[in-house]
Amino acid sequence: MPNKNHSGAAHSAQTGRFPRPCPECGKEELYPAAIAYDAEARHDGRRYAFHIPALQVNQCRACGEVLFSNATGDQISQALREHVGLLAPQHH
């Protein structure tokens, strides 16, 4: 699991042109990446730990900073639903 993880608005992953400047080191080395990620989440008062083998993030190639986007959060939520055996939400 990466040492650094920012999920706040100022540090959220973005789509569009790459590379981007890294908010941690300032270098133009931020690119889309898939990382192995060990997640923990709560559902119905219970804590679950689960592994995501290819979480889609933006990561700095210079310092290793990892940035989450809304899509990253959606991927974590989907992995939690699969882990606890819940159905995916219906889209209308």
C-alpha atoms as a PDB file:
ATOM      1  CA  MET A   1       0.000   0.000   0.000  1.00  0.00           C
ATOM      2  CA  PRO A   2       1.377   3.441  -0.823  1.00  0.00           C
ATOM      3  CA  ASN A   3       2.641   5.592   2.025  1.00  0.00           C
ATOM      4  CA  LYS A   4       0.899   8.704   0.762  1.00  0.00           C
ATOM      5  CA  ASN A   5      -2.749   9.103  -0.125  1.00  0.00           C
ATOM      6  CA  HIS A   6      -4.703  12.296  -0.607  1.00  0.00           C
ATOM      7  CA  SER A   7      -8.404  12.231  -1.301  1.00  0.00           C
ATOM      8  CA  GLY A   8      -9.312  15.859  -0.513  1.00  0.00           C
ATOM      9  CA  ALA A   9     -10.558  18.250  -3.185  1.00  0.00           C
ATOM     10  CA  ALA A  10      -7.205  20.028  -3.479  1.00  0.00           C
ATOM     11  CA  HIS A  11      -5.490  16.700  -4.106  1.00  0.00           C
ATOM     12  CA  SER A  12      -8.124  14.866  -6.135  1.00  0.00           C
ATOM     13  CA  ALA A  13      -7.199  13.027  -9.303  1.00  0.00           C
ATOM     14  CA  GLN A  14      -8.307  14.698 -12.488  1.00  0.00           C
ATOM     15  CA  THR A  15      -8.930  13.584 -16.019  1.00  0.00           C
ATOM     16  CA  GLY A  16      -7.524  15.296 -19.075  1.00  0.00           C
ATOM     17  CA  ARG A  17      -4.000  16.100 -20.141  1.00  0.00           C
ATOM     18  CA  PHE A  18      -1.016  14.361 -18.656  1.00  0.00           C
ATOM     19  CA  PRO A  19       1.504  14.742 -17.251  1.00  0.00           C
ATOM     20  CA  ARG A  20       0.266  17.136 -14.580  1.00  0.00           C
ATOM     21  CA  PRO A  21       2.175  18.823 -11.781  1.00  0.00           C
ATOM     22  CA  CYS A  22       2.286  16.789  -8.572  1.00  0.00           C
ATOM     23  CA  PRO A  23       0.774  18.629  -5.572  1.00  0.00           C
ATOM     24  CA  GLU A  24       3.401  17.027  -3.306  1.00  0.00           C
ATOM     25  CA  CYS A  25       6.716  17.556  -5.149  1.00  0.00           C
ATOM     26  CA  GLY A  26       5.685  19.990  -7.904  1.00  0.00           C
ATOM     27  CA  LYS A  27       7.243  17.982 -10.728  1.00  0.00           C
ATOM     28  CA  GLU A  28       5.311  17.387 -13.979  1.00  0.00           C
ATOM     29  CA  GLU A  29       5.222  13.646 -13.353  1.00  0.00           C
ATOM     30  CA  LEU A  30       1.590  12.886 -12.445  1.00  0.00           C
ATOM     31  CA  TYR A  31       0.106  10.152 -14.682  1.00  0.00           C
ATOM     32  CA  PRO A  32      -2.786   7.649 -14.558  1.00  0.00           C
ATOM     33  CA  ALA A  33      -1.748   4.377 -12.914  1.00  0.00           C
ATOM     34  CA  ALA A  34      -3.193   1.115 -11.617  1.00  0.00           C
ATOM     35  CA  ILE A  35      -1.930   0.140  -8.178  1.00  0.00           C
ATOM     36  CA  ALA A  36      -2.510  -2.762  -5.822  1.00  0.00           C
ATOM     37  CA  TYR A  37      -4.431  -1.358  -2.852  1.00  0.00           C
ATOM     38  CA  ASP A  38      -5.480  -2.776   0.512  1.00  0.00           C
ATOM     39  CA  ALA A  39      -8.696  -1.030   1.525  1.00  0.00           C
ATOM     40  CA  GLU A  40     -10.726  -0.832   4.719  1.00  0.00           C
ATOM     41  CA  ALA A  41     -14.322   0.321   4.833  1.00  0.00           C
ATOM     42  CA  ARG A  42     -17.321   0.184   7.148  1.00  0.00           C
ATOM     43  CA  HIS A  43     -20.693  -1.184   6.169  1.00  0.00           C
ATOM     44  CA  ASP A  44     -23.640  -1.759   8.526  1.00  0.00           C
ATOM     45  CA  GLY A  45     -21.423  -1.142  11.553  1.00  0.00           C
ATOM     46  CA  ARG A  46     -18.772  -3.685  10.553  1.00  0.00           C
ATOM     47  CA  ARG A  47     -15.263  -3.012   9.288  1.00  0.00           C
ATOM     48  CA  TYR A  48     -14.144  -4.893   6.199  1.00  0.00           C
ATOM     49  CA  ALA A  49     -10.624  -5.247   4.834  1.00  0.00           C
ATOM     50  CA  PHE A  50     -10.233  -6.214   1.191  1.00  0.00           C
ATOM     51  CA  HIS A  51      -7.691  -6.086  -1.612  1.00  0.00           C
ATOM     52  CA  ILE A  52      -8.068  -4.303  -4.954  1.00  0.00           C
ATOM     53  CA  PRO A  53      -5.439  -5.598  -7.395  1.00  0.00           C
ATOM     54  CA  ALA A  54      -5.667  -2.711  -9.904  1.00  0.00           C
ATOM     55  CA  LEU A  55      -7.088   0.473  -8.387  1.00  0.00           C
ATOM     56  CA  GLN A  56      -7.189   3.304 -10.940  1.00  0.00           C
ATOM     57  CA  VAL A  57      -5.458   6.421  -9.549  1.00  0.00           C
ATOM     58  CA  ASN A  58      -3.139   9.205 -10.618  1.00  0.00           C
ATOM     59  CA  GLN A  59       0.407   8.694  -9.339  1.00  0.00           C
ATOM     60  CA  CYS A  60       3.547  10.807  -9.435  1.00  0.00           C
ATOM     61  CA  ARG A  61       6.417   9.013 -11.117  1.00  0.00           C
ATOM     62  CA  ALA A  62       8.909  11.200  -9.237  1.00  0.00           C
ATOM     63  CA  CYS A  63       7.799  10.972  -5.590  1.00  0.00           C
ATOM     64  CA  GLY A  64       5.114   8.244  -5.606  1.00  0.00           C
ATOM     65  CA  GLU A  65       2.252  10.492  -4.459  1.00  0.00           C
ATOM     66  CA  VAL A  66      -1.119   8.802  -5.086  1.00  0.00           C
ATOM     67  CA  LEU A  67      -4.245  10.835  -5.815  1.00  0.00           C
ATOM     68  CA  PHE A  68      -7.798   9.480  -5.693  1.00  0.00           C
ATOM     69  CA  SER A  69     -10.642  10.706  -7.892  1.00  0.00           C
ATOM     70  CA  ASN A  70     -14.392  10.206  -7.706  1.00  0.00           C
ATOM     71  CA  ALA A  71     -13.891   7.257 -10.058  1.00  0.00           C
ATOM     72  CA  THR A  72     -11.361   5.801  -7.604  1.00  0.00           C
ATOM     73  CA  GLY A  73     -13.942   6.095  -4.830  1.00  0.00           C
ATOM     74  CA  ASP A  74     -16.531   4.405  -7.036  1.00  0.00           C
ATOM     75  CA  GLN A  75     -14.092   1.555  -7.699  1.00  0.00           C
ATOM     76  CA  ILE A  76     -13.488   1.113  -3.948  1.00  0.00           C
ATOM     77  CA  SER A  77     -17.258   1.131  -3.289  1.00  0.00           C
ATOM     78  CA  GLN A  78     -17.797  -1.494  -5.989  1.00  0.00           C
ATOM     79  CA  ALA A  79     -15.032  -3.681  -4.530  1.00  0.00           C
ATOM     80  CA  LEU A  80     -16.644  -3.401  -1.066  1.00  0.00           C
ATOM     81  CA  ARG A  81     -20.049  -4.393  -2.490  1.00  0.00           C
ATOM     82  CA  GLU A  82     -18.468  -7.419  -4.159  1.00  0.00           C
ATOM     83  CA  HIS A  83     -16.562  -8.313  -0.972  1.00  0.00           C
ATOM     84  CA  VAL A  84     -19.705  -8.327   1.206  1.00  0.00           C
ATOM     85  CA  GLY A  85     -21.932  -9.841  -1.505  1.00  0.00           C
ATOM     86  CA  LEU A  86     -24.197  -6.837  -2.149  1.00  0.00           C
ATOM     87  CA  LEU A  87     -25.896  -6.160  -5.454  1.00  0.00           C
ATOM     88  CA  ALA A  88     -24.649  -3.252  -7.528  1.00  0.00           C
ATOM     89  CA  PRO A  89     -26.918  -0.174  -7.529  1.00  0.00           C
ATOM     90  CA  GLN A  90     -29.428   0.037 -10.383  1.00  0.00           C
ATOM     91  CA  HIS A  91     -28.901   2.862 -12.887  1.00  0.00           C
ATOM     92  CA  HIS A  92     -32.050   4.253 -14.513  1.00  0.00           C
END
